[in-house]
Amino acid sequence: MPLKPPPLRNDCFALPPGVDWTPVDAALSMLRQRLSPVVAREDVPLGDGVGRVLAEDILARRSNPPEANTAVDGYGFAAGAVGEGDVVLPLVEGRSAAGAPFTGRVPEGAAVRVLTGAALPEGVDTVVLDEDCAVGEGEVAFRGPVNRGANTRKAGEDVAEGVTALSAGRVLTPADLALAAAVGHGALPVFSRVRVGVLSTGDEVVEPGRTAAPGQIFDANRPMLLSMAARFGYEAIDLGHVRDDRNALRARLDGAVGAVDAILTSGGASAGDEDHVSALLRETGALAEWRIALKPGRPLALGMWQGVPVFGLPGNPVAAFVCTLVFARPAMGLLAGAGWQAPVGFDVPAAFTKRKKPGRREYLRARIREGRAEVFASEGSGRVSGLSWAEGLVELEDGARDIEPGDLVRFIPFGSFGL
């Protein structure tokens, strides 16, 4: 039976007394402190490891390279026998090639043919390149001096046996698989993939491609959120759509227990008459209505449903997208055992003008053109086309800003969020 961590506490999302508007950094800090892995550990073949989260440190079982070798095609010898000026050394019979090392010892004052990647024969500590040599009958000539160790690689100069090659919590990349293979691993200890259920709510929402009646909108959130969860490396599970019916919503959430490790809902996260997600979480006594000081997307309902964390996202697609990137993604990283994954941004000159009021953080849909950050023509959170247009977000700090073209702003590419 795979070892699985204990479940989260039922009050892990509770806000401190007296908190009303929650600054973004405070909300992120609370999530970081209160969440922990909820998935079991398992072993997978090396080739199945990409995108998985390492459950424990990977130690090098073998040094890389395992032995001293040559970095080029050329001729190997002991540097101590070579001085300045023209050098002529007799060649010993045979050669050292990758996978077919030279057997025996090369006498001091002699040289041997070596090929790239070949183990250095005993008695050889230096290699001179083919291009720098003239070869005659049984001898090789080149010009000295030659630095000891030239064109060679030391054993373990990349990774030494016994050291940590990859750290627990790392989301494995193709390059990581290469490193794990190089140091002797054919299987890897990883966490099970977090199973993320995605659920849409609301009478106004209709399945994409069907006929929409007056007052109805197509469900843009569910395909967006399912694909985001999959791009984050999780198992995305479609929980469908539920109308504004509290009993139906309760049944759908009950049915998801045991099948998912976390739930993303969109819509019904505020405190209105038809906001059934927050109402049901309130009934369980495990609701935290986080009114986040950010634009877009202020209401965020967080709670537990029979031990499963629920992230109640705003119904507006732009707000749901931003809240998923800013809050749900790093939180789910903790659930997955990957630790806290803060996105990497960088400062670039603005290609826009904006006057920002103090009091909340803002995220603008943006892209880089000619080294400057352009922002979408409209900040309206109903403009879904801006998400498709954008290549990242410009993050504006909580305080007031008067931005003119050329001022530095922080741009976070979608790739930094794992998209």
Protein backbone atom coordinates (compact mmCIF):
# COMPACT_ATOMS: atom_id res chain seq x y z
CA MET A 1 0.00 0.00 0.00
CA PRO A 2 1.56 3.35 -1.04
CA LEU A 3 2.31 5.65 1.87
CA LYS A 4 -0.04 8.67 1.86
CA PRO A 5 0.20 11.82 4.02
CA PRO A 6 -2.55 12.62 6.53
CA PRO A 7 -5.53 14.68 5.27
CA LEU A 8 -5.64 18.45 5.55
CA ARG A 9 -7.26 20.05 8.57
CA ASN A 10 -10.86 21.15 8.11
CA ASP A 11 -9.96 24.71 9.12
CA CYS A 12 -6.86 25.12 6.95
CA PHE A 13 -8.42 27.98 4.98
CA ALA A 14 -9.82 29.89 7.97
CA LEU A 15 -8.96 33.59 8.04
CA PRO A 16 -7.75 35.29 11.23
CA PRO A 17 -10.46 37.17 13.18
CA GLY A 18 -11.17 40.66 11.90
CA VAL A 19 -9.79 40.12 8.41
CA ASP A 20 -11.90 41.74 5.70
CA TRP A 21 -9.96 42.53 2.52
CA THR A 22 -7.04 40.18 2.15
CA PRO A 23 -3.91 41.49 0.39
CA VAL A 24 -2.55 39.16 -2.29
CA ASP A 25 0.72 38.52 -0.44
CA ALA A 26 -1.13 37.73 2.80
CA ALA A 27 -3.40 35.27 0.98
CA LEU A 28 -0.44 33.57 -0.66
CA SER A 29 1.40 33.39 2.66
CA MET A 30 -1.58 31.72 4.35
CA LEU A 31 -1.89 29.15 1.59
CA ARG A 32 1.81 28.42 1.77
CA GLN A 33 1.74 27.87 5.52
CA ARG A 34 -1.39 25.74 5.72
CA LEU A 35 -1.28 23.33 2.80
CA SER A 36 0.78 20.16 2.49
CA PRO A 37 0.97 17.10 0.19
CA VAL A 38 -2.15 14.94 -0.05
CA VAL A 39 -0.84 12.34 -2.50
CA ALA A 40 0.84 8.96 -2.05
CA ARG A 41 4.37 7.97 -3.07
CA GLU A 42 5.00 5.47 -5.85
CA ASP A 43 7.86 4.25 -8.03
CA VAL A 44 7.72 4.67 -11.80
CA PRO A 45 10.07 3.64 -14.62
CA LEU A 46 12.53 6.35 -15.60
CA GLY A 47 10.81 6.94 -18.95
CA ASP A 48 7.49 7.70 -17.23
CA GLY A 49 8.95 10.30 -14.90
CA VAL A 50 8.64 13.51 -16.92
CA GLY A 51 6.20 15.95 -15.31
CA ARG A 52 6.06 13.93 -12.08
CA VAL A 53 7.09 15.29 -8.67
CA LEU A 54 10.05 13.64 -6.95
CA ALA A 55 9.05 12.20 -3.59
CA GLU A 56 12.60 11.96 -2.22
CA ASP A 57 16.13 13.09 -3.04
CA ILE A 58 17.87 11.18 -5.82
CA LEU A 59 21.45 10.30 -4.88
CA ALA A 60 24.03 9.49 -7.51
CA ARG A 61 24.63 5.75 -7.51
CA ARG A 62 27.55 6.29 -9.86
CA SER A 63 29.75 9.26 -10.65
CA ASN A 64 29.26 11.12 -13.91
CA PRO A 65 31.50 10.68 -15.73
CA PRO A 66 32.29 7.37 -14.03
CA GLU A 67 35.97 7.60 -14.94
CA ALA A 68 38.38 10.10 -16.41
CA ASN A 69 37.92 10.32 -20.18
CA THR A 70 38.90 12.28 -23.23
CA ALA A 71 36.83 15.19 -24.50
CA VAL A 72 38.18 15.05 -28.08
CA ASP A 73 39.68 12.76 -30.71
CA GLY A 74 43.44 12.93 -30.42
CA TYR A 75 46.50 11.43 -28.73
CA GLY A 76 47.00 10.87 -25.02
CA PHE A 77 50.18 10.91 -22.97
CA ALA A 78 51.62 11.94 -19.59
CA ALA A 79 52.15 15.71 -19.53
CA GLY A 80 55.21 15.39 -17.32
CA ALA A 81 57.18 13.92 -20.23
CA VAL A 82 56.47 16.85 -22.57
CA GLY A 83 58.29 20.15 -22.61
CA GLU A 84 58.29 23.20 -24.85
CA GLY A 85 58.92 23.32 -28.57
CA ASP A 86 58.47 20.49 -31.02
CA VAL A 87 57.58 17.16 -29.42
CA VAL A 88 57.77 13.75 -31.08
CA LEU A 89 56.43 10.73 -29.16
CA PRO A 90 56.34 7.07 -30.15
CA LEU A 91 52.87 5.57 -30.47
CA VAL A 92 51.92 2.39 -28.64
CA GLU A 93 49.80 -0.12 -30.52
CA GLY A 94 46.07 0.01 -30.02
CA ARG A 95 43.68 2.76 -29.08
CA SER A 96 41.10 3.78 -26.46
CA ALA A 97 37.53 4.27 -27.72
CA ALA A 98 34.21 4.84 -25.96
CA GLY A 99 33.09 1.43 -24.71
CA ALA A 100 36.37 -0.19 -25.78
CA PRO A 101 39.09 1.07 -23.44
CA PHE A 102 42.81 0.55 -23.98
CA THR A 103 44.16 -2.29 -21.87
CA GLY A 104 47.50 -1.92 -20.20
CA ARG A 105 49.64 1.07 -19.31
CA VAL A 106 51.06 3.74 -21.64
CA PRO A 107 54.74 4.22 -20.80
CA GLU A 108 55.93 7.69 -19.87
CA GLY A 109 57.26 9.39 -22.97
CA ALA A 110 54.90 7.52 -25.30
CA ALA A 111 51.41 8.33 -26.66
CA VAL A 112 48.28 6.41 -27.60
CA ARG A 113 45.38 7.07 -29.96
CA VAL A 114 42.21 8.14 -28.04
CA LEU A 115 38.69 8.91 -29.26
CA THR A 116 36.05 11.20 -27.75
CA GLY A 117 34.47 9.77 -24.62
CA ALA A 118 37.08 7.04 -24.20
CA ALA A 119 38.41 6.20 -20.75
CA LEU A 120 41.91 7.59 -20.24
CA PRO A 121 44.37 4.67 -20.24
CA GLU A 122 46.64 4.20 -17.26
CA GLY A 123 49.64 6.51 -17.66
CA VAL A 124 47.65 9.17 -19.60
CA ASP A 125 46.56 12.47 -18.08
CA THR A 126 46.56 14.82 -21.10
CA VAL A 127 45.27 14.79 -24.67
CA VAL A 128 46.26 16.84 -27.71
CA LEU A 129 43.73 17.35 -30.53
CA ASP A 130 43.97 15.63 -33.89
CA GLU A 131 44.13 19.03 -35.58
CA ASP A 132 47.29 19.93 -33.65
CA CYS A 133 49.15 16.72 -34.54
CA ALA A 134 51.16 15.29 -37.38
CA VAL A 135 51.21 11.50 -37.50
CA GLY A 136 53.93 9.39 -39.10
CA GLU A 137 54.94 5.78 -39.03
CA GLY A 138 54.61 4.81 -35.36
CA GLU A 139 54.92 8.31 -33.93
CA VAL A 140 53.05 11.55 -33.39
CA ALA A 141 54.39 15.11 -33.42
CA PHE A 142 52.94 18.32 -31.95
CA ARG A 143 54.16 21.54 -30.42
CA GLY A 144 54.48 22.01 -26.66
CA PRO A 145 53.95 23.01 -24.02
CA VAL A 146 50.60 21.33 -23.28
CA ASN A 147 48.78 21.97 -20.00
CA ARG A 148 48.36 18.89 -17.81
CA GLY A 149 44.76 17.64 -18.08
CA ALA A 150 44.10 19.40 -21.39
CA ASN A 151 41.09 18.01 -23.33
CA THR A 152 40.16 15.55 -20.58
CA ARG A 153 37.28 15.19 -18.15
CA LYS A 154 37.80 14.16 -14.54
CA ALA A 155 35.82 11.32 -12.98
CA GLY A 156 32.78 12.76 -11.18
CA GLU A 157 33.43 16.32 -12.34
CA ASP A 158 29.72 16.61 -13.23
CA VAL A 159 28.20 14.64 -10.34
CA ALA A 160 30.12 12.66 -7.73
CA GLU A 161 28.84 9.32 -6.44
CA GLY A 162 26.71 9.71 -3.31
CA VAL A 163 25.76 13.36 -3.73
CA THR A 164 22.21 14.62 -4.31
CA ALA A 165 21.63 14.77 -8.05
CA LEU A 166 17.94 15.81 -7.90
CA SER A 167 16.04 17.16 -4.90
CA ALA A 168 12.66 16.04 -3.59
CA GLY A 169 9.79 18.22 -4.76
CA ARG A 170 11.27 18.82 -8.19
CA VAL A 171 8.92 18.56 -11.17
CA LEU A 172 10.92 16.32 -13.47
CA THR A 173 11.97 17.56 -16.89
CA PRO A 174 13.44 15.59 -19.81
CA ALA A 175 16.87 16.90 -18.79
CA ASP A 176 16.30 15.54 -15.26
CA LEU A 177 15.60 12.09 -16.70
CA ALA A 178 18.91 12.26 -18.53
CA LEU A 179 20.72 13.14 -15.30
CA ALA A 180 18.96 10.40 -13.33
CA ALA A 181 19.92 7.87 -15.99
CA ALA A 182 23.53 9.08 -16.06
CA VAL A 183 23.95 8.51 -12.32
CA GLY A 184 22.49 5.02 -12.37
CA HIS A 185 18.72 5.19 -11.85
CA GLY A 186 16.21 3.19 -13.88
CA ALA A 187 13.17 4.00 -11.71
CA LEU A 188 12.19 7.07 -9.72
CA PRO A 189 10.23 7.65 -6.48
CA VAL A 190 7.48 10.14 -7.26
CA PHE A 191 4.19 11.36 -5.85
CA SER A 192 0.97 10.21 -7.46
CA ARG A 193 -0.49 12.81 -9.77
CA VAL A 194 -2.89 15.17 -8.05
CA ARG A 195 -6.38 14.55 -9.40
CA VAL A 196 -8.03 17.92 -10.01
CA GLY A 197 -11.78 17.95 -10.53
CA VAL A 198 -13.26 20.87 -12.46
CA LEU A 199 -16.91 21.84 -12.01
CA SER A 200 -18.97 24.65 -13.56
CA THR A 201 -22.10 26.02 -11.95
CA GLY A 202 -24.98 28.31 -12.91
CA ASP A 203 -28.32 28.29 -14.74
CA GLU A 204 -26.92 30.70 -17.32
CA VAL A 205 -24.17 28.32 -18.40
CA VAL A 206 -24.67 26.00 -21.39
CA GLU A 207 -22.36 23.41 -22.94
CA PRO A 208 -20.19 24.80 -25.76
CA GLY A 209 -21.55 23.95 -29.20
CA ARG A 210 -25.15 23.62 -28.08
CA THR A 211 -27.91 26.14 -28.66
CA ALA A 212 -27.85 29.00 -26.16
CA ALA A 213 -31.17 30.54 -25.17
CA PRO A 214 -31.49 34.28 -24.45
CA GLY A 215 -29.60 35.09 -21.25
CA GLN A 216 -27.36 32.03 -21.46
CA ILE A 217 -23.61 31.87 -22.06
CA PHE A 218 -21.35 29.08 -23.20
CA ASP A 219 -19.19 27.37 -20.59
CA ALA A 220 -15.77 28.85 -21.27
CA ASN A 221 -14.38 28.08 -17.83
CA ARG A 222 -14.49 24.30 -17.75
CA PRO A 223 -12.43 23.60 -20.89
CA MET A 224 -10.01 26.34 -19.86
CA LEU A 225 -9.54 25.07 -16.31
CA LEU A 226 -9.30 21.41 -17.34
CA SER A 227 -6.57 22.21 -19.83
CA MET A 228 -4.74 24.40 -17.30
CA ALA A 229 -4.75 21.58 -14.73
CA ALA A 230 -3.40 19.18 -17.34
CA ARG A 231 -0.66 21.64 -18.36
CA PHE A 232 0.34 21.93 -14.70
CA GLY A 233 1.00 18.19 -14.76
CA TYR A 234 -2.10 17.04 -12.90
CA GLU A 235 -4.78 14.52 -13.81
CA ALA A 236 -7.70 16.70 -14.91
CA ILE A 237 -11.12 15.21 -14.17
CA ASP A 238 -14.25 16.72 -15.70
CA LEU A 239 -16.99 16.98 -13.07
CA GLY A 240 -19.36 18.57 -15.56
CA HIS A 241 -21.84 21.38 -15.03
CA VAL A 242 -24.49 21.81 -12.32
CA ARG A 243 -27.41 24.22 -12.46
CA ASP A 244 -28.26 26.51 -9.58
CA ASP A 245 -29.68 23.67 -7.52
CA ARG A 246 -28.11 23.17 -4.10
CA ASN A 247 -29.08 19.53 -3.76
CA ALA A 248 -27.70 18.70 -7.20
CA LEU A 249 -24.48 20.50 -6.37
CA ARG A 250 -24.21 18.63 -3.06
CA ALA A 251 -24.69 15.31 -4.86
CA ARG A 252 -22.05 16.20 -7.45
CA LEU A 253 -19.51 17.14 -4.77
CA ASP A 254 -20.33 13.99 -2.79
CA GLY A 255 -19.74 11.91 -5.91
CA ALA A 256 -16.32 13.49 -6.44
CA VAL A 257 -15.04 12.49 -2.99
CA GLY A 258 -12.52 9.69 -3.39
CA ALA A 259 -12.14 10.36 -7.12
CA VAL A 260 -10.30 13.68 -6.85
CA ASP A 261 -7.73 15.30 -4.56
CA ALA A 262 -8.85 18.90 -5.15
CA ILE A 263 -11.78 20.64 -6.80
CA LEU A 264 -11.89 23.82 -8.86
CA THR A 265 -15.35 25.33 -9.21
CA SER A 266 -16.30 28.42 -11.17
CA GLY A 267 -19.28 30.56 -10.29
CA GLY A 268 -21.27 30.63 -7.06
CA ALA A 269 -18.33 31.81 -4.96
CA SER A 270 -19.83 35.04 -3.61
CA ALA A 271 -22.58 35.55 -1.06
CA GLY A 272 -25.63 36.03 -3.29
CA ASP A 273 -28.86 34.04 -3.33
CA GLU A 274 -27.61 31.75 -6.10
CA ASP A 275 -24.04 31.39 -4.87
CA HIS A 276 -24.47 27.76 -3.87
CA VAL A 277 -20.81 26.78 -3.72
CA SER A 278 -20.08 29.17 -0.87
CA ALA A 279 -23.41 28.33 0.76
CA LEU A 280 -22.69 24.60 0.83
CA LEU A 281 -19.17 25.11 2.16
CA ARG A 282 -20.63 27.37 4.82
CA GLU A 283 -22.98 24.55 5.85
CA THR A 284 -20.02 22.24 6.43
CA GLY A 285 -18.39 24.83 8.67
CA ALA A 286 -15.29 24.86 6.45
CA LEU A 287 -15.74 28.00 4.35
CA ALA A 288 -13.37 30.93 4.11
CA GLU A 289 -14.74 33.70 1.91
CA TRP A 290 -11.54 35.40 0.91
CA ARG A 291 -12.21 38.83 -0.50
CA ILE A 292 -8.88 39.35 -2.21
CA ALA A 293 -7.61 42.84 -2.90
CA LEU A 294 -6.87 42.24 -6.56
CA LYS A 295 -8.21 42.97 -10.00
CA PRO A 296 -9.63 40.96 -11.68
CA GLY A 297 -11.24 38.43 -9.37
CA ARG A 298 -12.02 39.45 -5.81
CA PRO A 299 -14.26 36.67 -4.44
CA LEU A 300 -12.46 33.41 -3.70
CA ALA A 301 -14.33 30.75 -1.73
CA LEU A 302 -11.98 28.25 -0.10
CA GLY A 303 -13.09 25.28 1.93
CA MET A 304 -13.08 21.54 2.52
CA TRP A 305 -15.68 19.06 1.31
CA GLN A 306 -15.33 15.76 3.18
CA GLY A 307 -11.57 16.26 3.32
CA VAL A 308 -11.18 17.50 -0.26
CA PRO A 309 -9.94 21.09 -0.75
CA VAL A 310 -12.31 23.21 -2.84
CA PHE A 311 -11.19 26.36 -4.66
CA GLY A 312 -14.29 28.36 -5.50
CA LEU A 313 -13.22 30.59 -8.36
CA PRO A 314 -15.11 33.58 -9.78
CA GLY A 315 -17.47 32.83 -12.66
CA ASN A 316 -15.93 35.41 -14.96
CA PRO A 317 -13.43 33.56 -17.21
CA VAL A 318 -10.74 36.24 -16.99
CA ALA A 319 -11.01 36.37 -13.19
CA ALA A 320 -11.09 32.57 -12.98
CA PHE A 321 -7.96 32.37 -15.15
CA VAL A 322 -6.03 34.93 -13.08
CA CYS A 323 -7.10 33.47 -9.72
CA THR A 324 -6.09 30.00 -10.89
CA LEU A 325 -2.61 31.20 -11.85
CA VAL A 326 -2.05 33.37 -8.80
CA PHE A 327 -3.66 31.25 -6.07
CA ALA A 328 -4.81 27.78 -7.14
CA ARG A 329 -1.64 26.84 -9.05
CA PRO A 330 0.85 27.33 -6.17
CA ALA A 331 -1.64 25.85 -3.72
CA MET A 332 -2.06 22.73 -5.85
CA GLY A 333 1.72 22.54 -6.14
CA LEU A 334 1.84 22.10 -2.37
CA LEU A 335 -0.88 19.42 -2.53
CA ALA A 336 1.17 17.65 -5.23
CA GLY A 337 4.37 17.62 -3.17
CA ALA A 338 6.15 20.10 -5.45
CA GLY A 339 6.42 22.81 -2.81
CA TRP A 340 5.58 26.45 -3.37
CA GLN A 341 6.07 27.39 -7.02
CA ALA A 342 6.33 31.17 -7.34
CA PRO A 343 6.32 32.36 -10.96
CA VAL A 344 9.44 34.05 -12.30
CA GLY A 345 8.89 37.52 -13.74
CA PHE A 346 11.22 40.18 -15.05
CA ASP A 347 11.21 43.95 -15.42
CA VAL A 348 10.63 45.36 -18.89
CA PRO A 349 9.79 48.84 -20.21
CA ALA A 350 6.09 49.57 -20.55
CA ALA A 351 4.59 50.35 -23.94
CA PHE A 352 1.46 51.81 -22.33
CA THR A 353 0.15 54.56 -20.08
CA LYS A 354 -1.87 53.82 -16.94
CA ARG A 355 -2.85 55.52 -13.72
CA LYS A 356 -3.47 52.96 -10.99
CA LYS A 357 -5.26 53.68 -7.72
CA PRO A 358 -3.90 52.27 -4.44
CA GLY A 359 -5.50 49.45 -2.50
CA ARG A 360 -5.32 46.34 -4.62
CA ARG A 361 -2.98 44.46 -6.91
CA GLU A 362 -3.75 44.38 -10.61
CA TYR A 363 -2.93 41.88 -13.30
CA LEU A 364 -3.07 43.10 -16.89
CA ARG A 365 -3.16 40.82 -19.90
CA ALA A 366 0.06 41.55 -21.72
CA ARG A 367 2.63 40.48 -24.30
CA ILE A 368 6.16 41.53 -25.26
CA ARG A 369 6.79 43.28 -28.56
CA GLU A 370 10.13 44.85 -29.47
CA GLY A 371 11.29 44.48 -25.88
CA ARG A 372 8.33 46.33 -24.35
CA ALA A 373 5.19 45.17 -22.56
CA GLU A 374 1.98 45.84 -24.43
CA VAL A 375 -1.33 45.45 -22.57
CA PHE A 376 -4.70 44.48 -23.97
CA ALA A 377 -6.78 47.40 -25.20
CA SER A 378 -9.50 46.82 -22.59
CA GLU A 379 -9.17 45.92 -18.93
CA GLY A 380 -12.74 44.63 -18.86
CA SER A 381 -12.78 41.23 -17.22
CA GLY A 382 -15.48 40.05 -19.61
CA ARG A 383 -13.14 40.32 -22.59
CA VAL A 384 -12.14 36.67 -22.97
CA SER A 385 -10.34 37.43 -26.23
CA GLY A 386 -7.69 39.23 -24.18
CA LEU A 387 -6.60 35.92 -22.65
CA SER A 388 -5.98 34.47 -26.10
CA TRP A 389 -4.20 37.66 -27.21
CA ALA A 390 -1.91 37.76 -24.19
CA GLU A 391 1.37 35.91 -23.62
CA GLY A 392 1.60 36.73 -19.93
CA LEU A 393 0.55 39.14 -17.20
CA VAL A 394 1.84 42.51 -16.10
CA GLU A 395 1.68 42.61 -12.31
CA LEU A 396 1.11 46.03 -10.73
CA GLU A 397 1.87 46.29 -7.02
CA ASP A 398 -0.74 47.18 -4.39
CA GLY A 399 0.12 50.88 -4.18
CA ALA A 400 -0.61 53.69 -6.58
CA ARG A 401 1.27 53.86 -9.89
CA ASP A 402 1.43 56.40 -12.69
CA ILE A 403 2.94 54.48 -15.57
CA GLU A 404 4.32 56.12 -18.68
CA PRO A 405 5.90 54.45 -21.72
CA GLY A 406 9.42 53.36 -20.83
CA ASP A 407 8.72 52.87 -17.10
CA LEU A 408 9.67 49.43 -15.82
CA VAL A 409 6.85 46.99 -15.05
CA ARG A 410 6.95 43.33 -13.98
CA PHE A 411 6.01 40.94 -16.76
CA ILE A 412 5.29 37.28 -15.94
CA PRO A 413 5.14 35.07 -19.04
CA PHE A 414 2.54 32.33 -19.03
CA GLY A 415 5.41 29.85 -19.30
CA SER A 416 6.48 30.82 -15.78
CA PHE A 417 3.10 29.58 -14.57
CA GLY A 418 3.58 26.26 -16.36
CA LEU A 419 1.31 27.06 -19.31
